[in-house]
C-alpha atoms as a PDB file:
ATOM      1  CA  MET A   1      56.436 102.089  70.796  1.00  0.00           C
ATOM      2  CA  PRO A   2      53.783  99.390  70.338  1.00  0.00           C
ATOM      3  CA  THR A   3      51.754  98.534  73.405  1.00  0.00           C
ATOM      4  CA  MET A   4      51.722  94.811  74.213  1.00  0.00           C
ATOM      5  CA  ILE A   5      48.291  93.341  74.915  1.00  0.00           C
ATOM      6  CA  TYR A   6      47.404  89.813  75.902  1.00  0.00           C
ATOM      7  CA  PRO A   7      44.267  88.600  74.134  1.00  0.00           C
ATOM      8  CA  PHE A   8      42.775  85.221  74.922  1.00  0.00           C
ATOM      9  CA  SER A   9      43.793  81.983  73.227  1.00  0.00           C
ATOM     10  CA  LEU A  10      41.434  79.031  73.476  1.00  0.00           C
ATOM     11  CA  ASN A  11      43.216  75.700  73.297  1.00  0.00           C
ATOM     12  CA  ALA A  12      42.318  72.107  74.039  1.00  0.00           C
ATOM     13  CA  CYS A  13      42.817  72.707  77.753  1.00  0.00           C
ATOM     14  CA  GLY A  14      40.383  75.610  77.962  1.00  0.00           C
ATOM     15  CA  LEU A  15      40.692  79.388  78.139  1.00  0.00           C
ATOM     16  CA  SER A  16      44.088  80.750  78.984  1.00  0.00           C
ATOM     17  CA  ARG A  17      46.026  83.968  78.639  1.00  0.00           C
ATOM     18  CA  ILE A  18      49.057  83.815  76.377  1.00  0.00           C
ATOM     19  CA  PRO A  19      50.909  86.813  74.956  1.00  0.00           C
ATOM     20  CA  LYS A  20      49.981  87.853  71.426  1.00  0.00           C
ATOM     21  CA  ARG A  21      51.471  91.035  70.010  1.00  0.00           C
ATOM     22  CA  ILE A  22      48.937  93.311  68.370  1.00  0.00           C
ATOM     23  CA  LEU A  23      49.374  96.560  66.592  1.00  0.00           C
ATOM     24  CA  PHE A  24      48.232  99.286  68.959  1.00  0.00           C
ATOM     25  CA  THR A  25      50.199 102.390  69.854  1.00  0.00           C
ATOM     26  CA  GLU A  26      49.703 104.385  73.013  1.00  0.00           C
ATOM     27  CA  ASP A  27      48.827 107.541  71.053  1.00  0.00           C
ATOM     28  CA  LYS A  28      46.162 105.743  69.049  1.00  0.00           C
ATOM     29  CA  MET A  29      44.537 104.332  72.144  1.00  0.00           C
ATOM     30  CA  LYS A  30      44.546 107.722  73.859  1.00  0.00           C
ATOM     31  CA  ASN A  31      43.041 109.416  70.825  1.00  0.00           C
ATOM     32  CA  GLY A  32      40.474 106.705  70.252  1.00  0.00           C
ATOM     33  CA  GLN A  33      41.599 106.229  66.646  1.00  0.00           C
ATOM     34  CA  SER A  34      42.164 102.462  66.560  1.00  0.00           C
ATOM     35  CA  LYS A  35      40.002 100.400  64.230  1.00  0.00           C
ATOM     36  CA  THR A  36      40.314  96.923  65.689  1.00  0.00           C
ATOM     37  CA  TYR A  37      38.955  93.633  64.401  1.00  0.00           C
ATOM     38  CA  ARG A  38      39.215  90.365  66.324  1.00  0.00           C
ATOM     39  CA  VAL A  39      40.057  87.237  64.347  1.00  0.00           C
ATOM     40  CA  ALA A  40      40.326  83.563  65.247  1.00  0.00           C
ATOM     41  CA  LEU A  41      42.212  80.777  63.468  1.00  0.00           C
ATOM     42  CA  ALA A  42      40.686  77.349  64.047  1.00  0.00           C
ATOM     43  CA  GLN A  43      43.700  75.049  64.115  1.00  0.00           C
ATOM     44  CA  PHE A  44      41.889  71.816  64.914  1.00  0.00           C
ATOM     45  CA  ALA A  45      41.750  68.424  63.261  1.00  0.00           C
ATOM     46  CA  PRO A  46      38.367  67.623  61.704  1.00  0.00           C
ATOM     47  CA  ALA A  47      36.594  64.331  62.296  1.00  0.00           C
ATOM     48  CA  TYR A  48      38.350  62.836  59.291  1.00  0.00           C
ATOM     49  CA  LEU A  49      36.054  61.601  56.511  1.00  0.00           C
ATOM     50  CA  ASN A  50      33.042  61.949  58.800  1.00  0.00           C
ATOM     51  CA  LYS A  51      30.678  64.653  57.578  1.00  0.00           C
ATOM     52  CA  GLU A  52      28.282  64.646  60.520  1.00  0.00           C
ATOM     53  CA  ALA A  53      30.959  64.698  63.215  1.00  0.00           C
ATOM     54  CA  THR A  54      32.989  67.335  61.362  1.00  0.00           C
ATOM     55  CA  LEU A  55      29.963  69.621  61.156  1.00  0.00           C
ATOM     56  CA  ALA A  56      29.327  69.191  64.872  1.00  0.00           C
ATOM     57  CA  LYS A  57      32.952  70.051  65.642  1.00  0.00           C
ATOM     58  CA  ALA A  58      32.838  73.136  63.405  1.00  0.00           C
ATOM     59  CA  LEU A  59      29.700  74.426  65.114  1.00  0.00           C
ATOM     60  CA  ASP A  60      31.300  73.887  68.538  1.00  0.00           C
ATOM     61  CA  ILE A  61      34.408  75.819  67.469  1.00  0.00           C
ATOM     62  CA  LEU A  62      32.250  78.684  66.223  1.00  0.00           C
ATOM     63  CA  GLN A  63      30.475  78.838  69.583  1.00  0.00           C
ATOM     64  CA  LYS A  64      33.825  79.035  71.387  1.00  0.00           C
ATOM     65  CA  ALA A  65      35.068  81.734  69.025  1.00  0.00           C
ATOM     66  CA  SER A  66      31.902  83.739  69.607  1.00  0.00           C
ATOM     67  CA  HIS A  67      32.344  83.477  73.377  1.00  0.00           C
ATOM     68  CA  ALA A  68      35.853  84.883  72.883  1.00  0.00           C
ATOM     69  CA  SER A  69      34.328  87.855  70.975  1.00  0.00           C
ATOM     70  CA  ALA A  70      35.860  86.916  67.615  1.00  0.00           C
ATOM     71  CA  GLN A  71      34.405  88.616  64.543  1.00  0.00           C
ATOM     72  CA  LEU A  72      35.982  86.302  61.948  1.00  0.00           C
ATOM     73  CA  VAL A  73      36.836  82.594  62.186  1.00  0.00           C
ATOM     74  CA  ALA A  74      39.025  80.867  59.586  1.00  0.00           C
ATOM     75  CA  PHE A  75      39.539  77.126  59.041  1.00  0.00           C
ATOM     76  CA  GLY A  76      42.196  75.467  56.868  1.00  0.00           C
ATOM     77  CA  GLU A  77      42.254  73.915  53.392  1.00  0.00           C
ATOM     78  CA  THR A  78      39.517  71.290  52.810  1.00  0.00           C
ATOM     79  CA  TRP A  79      39.034  71.149  56.567  1.00  0.00           C
ATOM     80  CA  PHE A  80      35.609  69.666  55.892  1.00  0.00           C
ATOM     81  CA  PRO A  81      35.990  66.637  56.089  1.00  0.00           C
ATOM     82  CA  GLY A  82      39.790  66.563  55.729  1.00  0.00           C
ATOM     83  CA  TYR A  83      42.699  66.894  53.330  1.00  0.00           C
ATOM     84  CA  PRO A  84      43.750  63.832  51.224  1.00  0.00           C
ATOM     85  CA  ALA A  85      47.287  63.798  52.635  1.00  0.00           C
ATOM     86  CA  TRP A  86      47.601  60.111  51.748  1.00  0.00           C
ATOM     87  CA  LEU A  87      48.424  61.305  48.210  1.00  0.00           C
ATOM     88  CA  ASP A  88      51.758  62.554  49.578  1.00  0.00           C
ATOM     89  CA  VAL A  89      52.702  59.887  52.118  1.00  0.00           C
ATOM     90  CA  CYS A  90      51.378  56.664  50.551  1.00  0.00           C
ATOM     91  CA  PRO A  91      53.482  55.715  47.496  1.00  0.00           C
ATOM     92  CA  GLU A  92      50.909  53.451  45.823  1.00  0.00           C
ATOM     93  CA  ALA A  93      47.992  55.885  46.050  1.00  0.00           C
ATOM     94  CA  ALA A  94      48.437  57.132  42.472  1.00  0.00           C
ATOM     95  CA  LEU A  95      48.652  53.736  40.800  1.00  0.00           C
ATOM     96  CA  TRP A  96      46.129  53.152  38.016  1.00  0.00           C
ATOM     97  CA  ASN A  97      42.961  51.339  39.144  1.00  0.00           C
ATOM     98  CA  HIS A  98      44.301  51.030  42.690  1.00  0.00           C
ATOM     99  CA  GLU A  99      41.485  49.494  44.713  1.00  0.00           C
ATOM    100  CA  PRO A 100      42.453  50.955  48.139  1.00  0.00           C
ATOM    101  CA  THR A 101      42.613  54.467  46.640  1.00  0.00           C
ATOM    102  CA  LYS A 102      39.227  54.035  44.999  1.00  0.00           C
ATOM    103  CA  ARG A 103      37.676  52.934  48.303  1.00  0.00           C
ATOM    104  CA  VAL A 104      39.100  55.945  50.145  1.00  0.00           C
ATOM    105  CA  PHE A 105      38.037  58.323  47.365  1.00  0.00           C
ATOM    106  CA  ALA A 106      34.505  56.900  47.602  1.00  0.00           C
ATOM    107  CA  ARG A 107      34.401  57.679  51.341  1.00  0.00           C
ATOM    108  CA  LEU A 108      35.756  61.167  50.699  1.00  0.00           C
ATOM    109  CA  ARG A 109      33.117  61.762  48.048  1.00  0.00           C
ATOM    110  CA  GLN A 110      30.308  60.448  50.251  1.00  0.00           C
ATOM    111  CA  ASN A 111      31.381  62.784  53.079  1.00  0.00           C
ATOM    112  CA  SER A 112      31.966  65.869  50.938  1.00  0.00           C
ATOM    113  CA  VAL A 113      29.776  68.956  51.015  1.00  0.00           C
ATOM    114  CA  ILE A 114      27.130  69.972  48.476  1.00  0.00           C
ATOM    115  CA  VAL A 115      26.811  73.716  47.805  1.00  0.00           C
ATOM    116  CA  PRO A 116      24.136  74.621  48.687  1.00  0.00           C
ATOM    117  CA  GLY A 117      23.252  71.765  50.994  1.00  0.00           C
ATOM    118  CA  PRO A 118      22.390  70.983  54.617  1.00  0.00           C
ATOM    119  CA  GLU A 119      25.935  71.496  55.937  1.00  0.00           C
ATOM    120  CA  VAL A 120      26.228  74.850  54.177  1.00  0.00           C
ATOM    121  CA  GLN A 121      22.842  75.853  55.565  1.00  0.00           C
ATOM    122  CA  ALA A 122      23.915  74.891  59.097  1.00  0.00           C
ATOM    123  CA  LEU A 123      27.148  76.887  58.834  1.00  0.00           C
ATOM    124  CA  ALA A 124      25.325  79.917  57.416  1.00  0.00           C
ATOM    125  CA  GLN A 125      22.777  79.811  60.225  1.00  0.00           C
ATOM    126  CA  ALA A 126      25.540  79.578  62.835  1.00  0.00           C
ATOM    127  CA  ALA A 127      27.363  82.531  61.270  1.00  0.00           C
ATOM    128  CA  GLY A 128      24.177  84.589  61.360  1.00  0.00           C
ATOM    129  CA  ASP A 129      23.148  83.559  64.855  1.00  0.00           C
ATOM    130  CA  LEU A 130      26.605  84.292  66.259  1.00  0.00           C
ATOM    131  CA  LYS A 131      27.240  87.366  64.066  1.00  0.00           C
ATOM    132  CA  LEU A 132      30.475  85.874  62.753  1.00  0.00           C
ATOM    133  CA  ALA A 133      32.232  85.914  59.430  1.00  0.00           C
ATOM    134  CA  VAL A 134      33.396  82.365  58.659  1.00  0.00           C
ATOM    135  CA  VAL A 135      35.912  81.175  56.060  1.00  0.00           C
ATOM    136  CA  ILE A 136      36.175  77.391  55.739  1.00  0.00           C
ATOM    137  CA  GLY A 137      37.760  75.009  53.267  1.00  0.00           C
ATOM    138  CA  ILE A 138      35.660  72.096  52.046  1.00  0.00           C
ATOM    139  CA  ASN A 139      35.724  69.175  49.683  1.00  0.00           C
ATOM    140  CA  GLU A 140      32.824  70.085  47.414  1.00  0.00           C
ATOM    141  CA  ARG A 141      30.641  67.513  45.675  1.00  0.00           C
ATOM    142  CA  VAL A 142      28.241  68.347  42.856  1.00  0.00           C
ATOM    143  CA  GLU A 143      24.909  66.622  43.420  1.00  0.00           C
ATOM    144  CA  SER A 144      23.672  66.433  39.841  1.00  0.00           C
ATOM    145  CA  GLY A 145      24.400  67.614  36.321  1.00  0.00           C
ATOM    146  CA  PRO A 146      27.831  68.387  34.838  1.00  0.00           C
ATOM    147  CA  GLY A 147      30.664  67.618  37.227  1.00  0.00           C
ATOM    148  CA  ARG A 148      28.653  65.272  39.415  1.00  0.00           C
ATOM    149  CA  GLY A 149      31.549  62.790  39.516  1.00  0.00           C
ATOM    150  CA  THR A 150      34.187  65.414  40.307  1.00  0.00           C
ATOM    151  CA  LEU A 151      35.237  66.898  43.634  1.00  0.00           C
ATOM    152  CA  TYR A 152      36.480  70.462  44.058  1.00  0.00           C
ATOM    153  CA  ASN A 153      38.809  72.061  46.579  1.00  0.00           C
ATOM    154  CA  THR A 154      36.568  74.939  47.648  1.00  0.00           C
ATOM    155  CA  LEU A 155      36.721  77.874  50.034  1.00  0.00           C
ATOM    156  CA  LEU A 156      33.429  79.174  51.431  1.00  0.00           C
ATOM    157  CA  THR A 157      32.963  82.601  53.009  1.00  0.00           C
ATOM    158  CA  PHE A 158      29.928  83.304  55.198  1.00  0.00           C
ATOM    159  CA  THR A 159      28.941  86.788  56.331  1.00  0.00           C
ATOM    160  CA  PRO A 160      27.799  87.829  59.834  1.00  0.00           C
ATOM    161  CA  GLU A 161      24.285  88.154  58.362  1.00  0.00           C
ATOM    162  CA  GLY A 162      24.204  84.389  57.787  1.00  0.00           C
ATOM    163  CA  ARG A 163      24.712  84.565  54.023  1.00  0.00           C
ATOM    164  CA  LEU A 164      27.045  82.494  51.871  1.00  0.00           C
ATOM    165  CA  GLY A 165      28.971  85.436  50.468  1.00  0.00           C
ATOM    166  CA  ASN A 166      31.476  83.665  48.221  1.00  0.00           C
ATOM    167  CA  THR A 167      32.344  80.248  46.824  1.00  0.00           C
ATOM    168  CA  HIS A 168      35.845  79.906  45.425  1.00  0.00           C
ATOM    169  CA  ARG A 169      37.061  76.697  43.772  1.00  0.00           C
ATOM    170  CA  LYS A 170      40.826  76.207  43.613  1.00  0.00           C
ATOM    171  CA  LEU A 171      41.901  77.194  40.117  1.00  0.00           C
ATOM    172  CA  MET A 172      44.583  74.540  39.689  1.00  0.00           C
ATOM    173  CA  PRO A 173      44.908  71.522  41.975  1.00  0.00           C
ATOM    174  CA  THR A 174      48.552  71.064  42.881  1.00  0.00           C
ATOM    175  CA  TYR A 175      50.454  68.087  41.469  1.00  0.00           C
ATOM    176  CA  THR A 176      48.940  64.825  42.846  1.00  0.00           C
ATOM    177  CA  GLU A 177      45.813  66.727  43.935  1.00  0.00           C
ATOM    178  CA  ARG A 178      44.699  66.508  40.288  1.00  0.00           C
ATOM    179  CA  LEU A 179      43.780  62.891  40.974  1.00  0.00           C
ATOM    180  CA  ILE A 180      41.130  64.143  43.424  1.00  0.00           C
ATOM    181  CA  TRP A 181      39.913  67.608  42.419  1.00  0.00           C
ATOM    182  CA  GLY A 182      38.834  69.341  39.234  1.00  0.00           C
ATOM    183  CA  GLN A 183      39.821  72.841  38.139  1.00  0.00           C
ATOM    184  CA  GLY A 184      37.912  75.871  39.409  1.00  0.00           C
ATOM    185  CA  ASP A 185      37.129  79.106  37.595  1.00  0.00           C
ATOM    186  CA  GLY A 186      37.431  82.829  38.197  1.00  0.00           C
ATOM    187  CA  THR A 187      33.959  83.518  39.565  1.00  0.00           C
ATOM    188  CA  GLY A 188      35.087  83.205  43.193  1.00  0.00           C
ATOM    189  CA  LEU A 189      38.049  85.584  42.976  1.00  0.00           C
ATOM    190  CA  ASN A 190      36.277  88.140  45.148  1.00  0.00           C
ATOM    191  CA  ALA A 191      36.427  89.698  48.584  1.00  0.00           C
ATOM    192  CA  VAL A 192      33.313  89.817  50.744  1.00  0.00           C
ATOM    193  CA  ASP A 193      32.106  92.568  53.048  1.00  0.00           C
ATOM    194  CA  ALA A 194      32.075  91.156  56.582  1.00  0.00           C
ATOM    195  CA  GLY A 195      30.865  93.819  58.968  1.00  0.00           C
ATOM    196  CA  GLY A 196      32.595  96.649  57.131  1.00  0.00           C
ATOM    197  CA  VAL A 197      35.823  94.658  56.592  1.00  0.00           C
ATOM    198  CA  ARG A 198      36.571  93.096  53.206  1.00  0.00           C
ATOM    199  CA  VAL A 199      37.649  89.460  53.520  1.00  0.00           C
ATOM    200  CA  GLY A 200      39.064  87.331  50.706  1.00  0.00           C
ATOM    201  CA  GLY A 201      41.043  84.134  50.350  1.00  0.00           C
ATOM    202  CA  LEU A 202      43.116  81.857  48.162  1.00  0.00           C
ATOM    203  CA  ILE A 203      43.974  78.195  48.465  1.00  0.00           C
ATOM    204  CA  CYS A 204      47.503  76.873  48.906  1.00  0.00           C
ATOM    205  CA  TRP A 205      49.610  77.165  45.721  1.00  0.00           C
ATOM    206  CA  GLU A 206      47.272  79.780  44.262  1.00  0.00           C
ATOM    207  CA  HIS A 207      49.509  82.124  46.240  1.00  0.00           C
ATOM    208  CA  TRP A 208      52.194  81.472  43.609  1.00  0.00           C
ATOM    209  CA  MET A 209      49.843  82.421  40.749  1.00  0.00           C
ATOM    210  CA  PRO A 210      50.642  86.134  40.181  1.00  0.00           C
ATOM    211  CA  LEU A 211      47.423  86.906  38.321  1.00  0.00           C
ATOM    212  CA  ALA A 212      45.244  85.204  40.947  1.00  0.00           C
ATOM    213  CA  ARG A 213      46.921  87.389  43.543  1.00  0.00           C
ATOM    214  CA  MET A 214      46.308  90.459  41.396  1.00  0.00           C
ATOM    215  CA  ALA A 215      42.608  89.629  41.089  1.00  0.00           C
ATOM    216  CA  MET A 216      42.319  89.433  44.851  1.00  0.00           C
ATOM    217  CA  HIS A 217      44.315  92.626  45.405  1.00  0.00           C
ATOM    218  CA  ASN A 218      41.914  94.412  43.054  1.00  0.00           C
ATOM    219  CA  SER A 219      38.987  93.145  45.130  1.00  0.00           C
ATOM    220  CA  GLY A 220      40.065  95.409  47.998  1.00  0.00           C
ATOM    221  CA  GLU A 221      40.935  92.950  50.760  1.00  0.00           C
ATOM    222  CA  HIS A 222      41.560  94.170  54.276  1.00  0.00           C
ATOM    223  CA  ILE A 223      42.002  90.599  55.540  1.00  0.00           C
ATOM    224  CA  HIS A 224      43.176  87.723  53.371  1.00  0.00           C
ATOM    225  CA  VAL A 225      42.708  84.096  54.440  1.00  0.00           C
ATOM    226  CA  ALA A 226      45.494  81.878  53.087  1.00  0.00           C
ATOM    227  CA  VAL A 227      44.626  78.210  53.603  1.00  0.00           C
ATOM    228  CA  TRP A 228      47.238  75.447  53.490  1.00  0.00           C
ATOM    229  CA  PRO A 229      47.696  71.809  54.563  1.00  0.00           C
ATOM    230  CA  THR A 230      50.731  72.733  56.703  1.00  0.00           C
ATOM    231  CA  VAL A 231      52.089  76.295  56.725  1.00  0.00           C
ATOM    232  CA  HIS A 232      55.726  75.245  56.498  1.00  0.00           C
ATOM    233  CA  GLU A 233      58.616  77.577  55.646  1.00  0.00           C
ATOM    234  CA  ARG A 234      57.850  78.160  51.951  1.00  0.00           C
ATOM    235  CA  HIS A 235      54.161  78.624  52.725  1.00  0.00           C
ATOM    236  CA  GLN A 236      55.089  81.140  55.415  1.00  0.00           C
ATOM    237  CA  LEU A 237      57.170  83.018  52.838  1.00  0.00           C
ATOM    238  CA  ALA A 238      54.283  83.070  50.371  1.00  0.00           C
ATOM    239  CA  SER A 239      51.870  84.275  53.055  1.00  0.00           C
ATOM    240  CA  ARG A 240      54.202  87.022  54.243  1.00  0.00           C
ATOM    241  CA  HIS A 241      54.866  88.127  50.684  1.00  0.00           C
ATOM    242  CA  TYR A 242      51.115  88.273  50.037  1.00  0.00           C
ATOM    243  CA  ALA A 243      50.621  90.539  53.058  1.00  0.00           C
ATOM    244  CA  PHE A 244      53.405  92.860  51.891  1.00  0.00           C
ATOM    245  CA  GLU A 245      52.257  92.917  48.262  1.00  0.00           C
ATOM    246  CA  GLY A 246      48.568  93.322  49.069  1.00  0.00           C
ATOM    247  CA  ARG A 247      49.019  95.721  52.010  1.00  0.00           C
ATOM    248  CA  CYS A 248      46.589  93.588  54.010  1.00  0.00           C
ATOM    249  CA  PHE A 249      46.519  91.290  57.009  1.00  0.00           C
ATOM    250  CA  VAL A 250      46.975  87.602  56.180  1.00  0.00           C
ATOM    251  CA  LEU A 251      45.562  84.761  58.233  1.00  0.00           C
ATOM    252  CA  ALA A 252      47.684  81.758  57.237  1.00  0.00           C
ATOM    253  CA  VAL A 253      45.665  78.764  58.393  1.00  0.00           C
ATOM    254  CA  GLY A 254      47.130  75.259  58.504  1.00  0.00           C
ATOM    255  CA  LEU A 255      45.570  71.870  59.083  1.00  0.00           C
ATOM    256  CA  LEU A 256      46.179  69.355  61.819  1.00  0.00           C
ATOM    257  CA  MET A 257      46.077  65.702  60.815  1.00  0.00           C
ATOM    258  CA  PRO A 258      47.372  63.103  63.261  1.00  0.00           C
ATOM    259  CA  ARG A 259      48.880  59.950  61.804  1.00  0.00           C
ATOM    260  CA  SER A 260      45.970  58.019  63.322  1.00  0.00           C
ATOM    261  CA  ASP A 261      43.603  59.752  60.852  1.00  0.00           C
ATOM    262  CA  LEU A 262      45.163  58.087  57.817  1.00  0.00           C
ATOM    263  CA  PRO A 263      42.620  55.734  56.220  1.00  0.00           C
ATOM    264  CA  GLU A 264      43.207  52.132  57.228  1.00  0.00           C
ATOM    265  CA  GLU A 265      44.005  51.273  53.612  1.00  0.00           C
ATOM    266  CA  PHE A 266      47.161  53.420  53.851  1.00  0.00           C
ATOM    267  CA  ALA A 267      48.001  53.385  57.543  1.00  0.00           C
ATOM    268  CA  GLY A 268      50.945  51.029  57.058  1.00  0.00           C
ATOM    269  CA  PHE A 269      52.788  53.531  54.871  1.00  0.00           C
ATOM    270  CA  ALA A 270      53.010  56.322  57.425  1.00  0.00           C
ATOM    271  CA  ASP A 271      56.269  57.214  59.119  1.00  0.00           C
ATOM    272  CA  ARG A 272      55.663  56.030  62.655  1.00  0.00           C
ATOM    273  CA  ALA A 273      58.369  58.342  63.960  1.00  0.00           C
ATOM    274  CA  HIS A 274      56.064  61.324  63.424  1.00  0.00           C
ATOM    275  CA  ALA A 275      52.726  61.757  65.176  1.00  0.00           C
ATOM    276  CA  TRP A 276      51.477  64.390  62.713  1.00  0.00           C
ATOM    277  CA  ILE A 277      50.881  64.138  58.960  1.00  0.00           C
ATOM    278  CA  GLU A 278      49.792  67.804  58.789  1.00  0.00           C
ATOM    279  CA  ARG A 279      51.338  70.008  61.467  1.00  0.00           C
ATOM    280  CA  GLY A 280      49.380  73.269  61.469  1.00  0.00           C
ATOM    281  CA  GLY A 281      51.740  76.233  61.401  1.00  0.00           C
ATOM    282  CA  SER A 282      48.919  78.802  61.528  1.00  0.00           C
ATOM    283  CA  ALA A 283      50.058  82.421  61.827  1.00  0.00           C
ATOM    284  CA  ILE A 284      48.803  86.000  61.511  1.00  0.00           C
ATOM    285  CA  ILE A 285      50.788  88.467  59.419  1.00  0.00           C
ATOM    286  CA  ALA A 286      50.612  92.268  59.259  1.00  0.00           C
ATOM    287  CA  PRO A 287      50.622  94.440  56.091  1.00  0.00           C
ATOM    288  CA  ASP A 288      54.352  95.102  56.472  1.00  0.00           C
ATOM    289  CA  SER A 289      54.951  91.289  56.530  1.00  0.00           C
ATOM    290  CA  HIS A 290      55.894  90.944  60.205  1.00  0.00           C
ATOM    291  CA  TYR A 291      54.178  88.408  62.433  1.00  0.00           C
ATOM    292  CA  VAL A 292      51.303  89.492  64.625  1.00  0.00           C
ATOM    293  CA  VAL A 293      51.103  85.879  65.830  1.00  0.00           C
ATOM    294  CA  GLU A 294      54.035  83.603  65.034  1.00  0.00           C
ATOM    295  CA  PRO A 295      53.418  80.092  63.644  1.00  0.00           C
ATOM    296  CA  VAL A 296      51.815  77.555  65.961  1.00  0.00           C
ATOM    297  CA  PHE A 297      52.691  73.916  65.248  1.00  0.00           C
ATOM    298  CA  GLU A 298      51.440  70.521  66.410  1.00  0.00           C
ATOM    299  CA  ARG A 299      48.722  71.538  68.816  1.00  0.00           C
ATOM    300  CA  GLU A 300      45.009  72.200  68.619  1.00  0.00           C
ATOM    301  CA  GLU A 301      44.269  75.808  69.409  1.00  0.00           C
ATOM    302  CA  LEU A 302      41.862  78.611  68.662  1.00  0.00           C
ATOM    303  CA  ILE A 303      44.375  81.353  67.912  1.00  0.00           C
ATOM    304  CA  ILE A 304      42.906  84.789  68.616  1.00  0.00           C
ATOM    305  CA  ALA A 305      44.296  88.264  68.019  1.00  0.00           C
ATOM    306  CA  ASP A 306      43.077  91.819  67.555  1.00  0.00           C
ATOM    307  CA  LEU A 307      44.126  93.583  64.356  1.00  0.00           C
ATOM    308  CA  ASP A 308      44.536  97.343  64.083  1.00  0.00           C
ATOM    309  CA  LEU A 309      43.204  98.093  60.604  1.00  0.00           C
ATOM    310  CA  ASN A 310      44.949 101.482  60.608  1.00  0.00           C
ATOM    311  CA  GLU A 311      48.078  99.540  59.674  1.00  0.00           C
ATOM    312  CA  ILE A 312      46.612  99.022  56.192  1.00  0.00           C
ATOM    313  CA  ASP A 313      46.330 102.776  55.639  1.00  0.00           C
ATOM    314  CA  LYS A 314      49.836 103.394  56.934  1.00  0.00           C
ATOM    315  CA  GLU A 315      51.481 100.768  54.737  1.00  0.00           C
ATOM    316  CA  SER A 316      49.558 101.836  51.597  1.00  0.00           C
ATOM    317  CA  MET A 317      51.734 104.950  51.421  1.00  0.00           C
ATOM    318  CA  THR A 318      54.700 103.019  50.024  1.00  0.00           C
ATOM    319  CA  LEU A 319      52.998 100.397  47.841  1.00  0.00           C
ATOM    320  CA  ASP A 320      49.610  99.938  46.179  1.00  0.00           C
ATOM    321  CA  VAL A 321      49.733  97.390  43.350  1.00  0.00           C
ATOM    322  CA  THR A 322      46.174  98.329  42.372  1.00  0.00           C
ATOM    323  CA  GLY A 323      46.836 102.084  42.264  1.00  0.00           C
ATOM    324  CA  HIS A 324      50.014 104.115  42.252  1.00  0.00           C
ATOM    325  CA  TYR A 325      52.098 101.009  41.399  1.00  0.00           C
ATOM    326  CA  ALA A 326      49.635  99.553  38.869  1.00  0.00           C
ATOM    327  CA  ARG A 327      50.668 101.350  35.647  1.00  0.00           C
ATOM    328  CA  PRO A 328      47.523 100.585  33.582  1.00  0.00           C
ATOM    329  CA  ASP A 329      49.118 102.493  30.718  1.00  0.00           C
ATOM    330  CA  VAL A 330      51.633  99.632  30.477  1.00  0.00           C
ATOM    331  CA  PHE A 331      49.733  96.576  31.707  1.00  0.00           C
ATOM    332  CA  LYS A 332      46.219  95.292  31.016  1.00  0.00           C
ATOM    333  CA  PHE A 333      44.534  92.944  33.487  1.00  0.00           C
ATOM    334  CA  GLU A 334      41.298  90.990  33.069  1.00  0.00           C
ATOM    335  CA  VAL A 335      39.553  88.224  34.986  1.00  0.00           C
ATOM    336  CA  LYS A 336      37.291  85.870  33.035  1.00  0.00           C
ATOM    337  CA  GLY A 337      34.549  84.300  35.128  1.00  0.00           C
END
């Protein structure tokens, strides 16, 4: 029978004990065989469209995660400095030459992150100082040269040594997102060694791209970070399927965006009956697809749990899409950078 343990959860009210199921067994603990890794999901709203304040909030969250002995901290999709949810809730946002949309896009561009740049340097230094792996979604801006007028939906992974280990641009912006972001390429379809644990990630609807998933499975992930705006039911299904298919732990990280964060140009369009535009839904999923931590909605919280990495070895017996279920004699797979 699994032993129930109660790791800490840090929420807006401070440090409290709430029950989180983790995957230890009594025999493993007695025999000293458990390989545990503590993770934290940063379900907090950024300082929307404010680069300086968002960086300060991120650094504060990393300090809190370090004090809670986390080894990996994950933030949601384009957390820095916020997701353009107005594309979904403001019906005139996609009109041609729409002046309010252009003004908001300009602010988004001005507050987006250059890679490498001062914000990236600050995050890398914090990761190194605190000995944390950090996965964070950003709006990326190119400073000069080709693409300097285009933004990208990008996922950055920092190692506990303070190094930017991977930069992954979303391969295909989803639907209206194509008004905001350009297409990425395959160079970031990699997992990164983070203290002996391989950490990878995909962005939102990339989890419905079978070949993108296969590239990440081949990279040898132990922990996969799945970033979303809100991890609603279909996104939960995709995240749980990814864990089962990849035989890895999945950190499904959602955003929080209160209605008050909508740019003033679009504030009148929001449904005033709902306080949240993006509702979170962050969860932690085991390699057999069950929840380690069930979805958390509509509250700011640093969600912390310990993962028993032995579960990966156990579940690999029945399925390995990179090995005994791969059939390279039938299928050929290639990633072009």
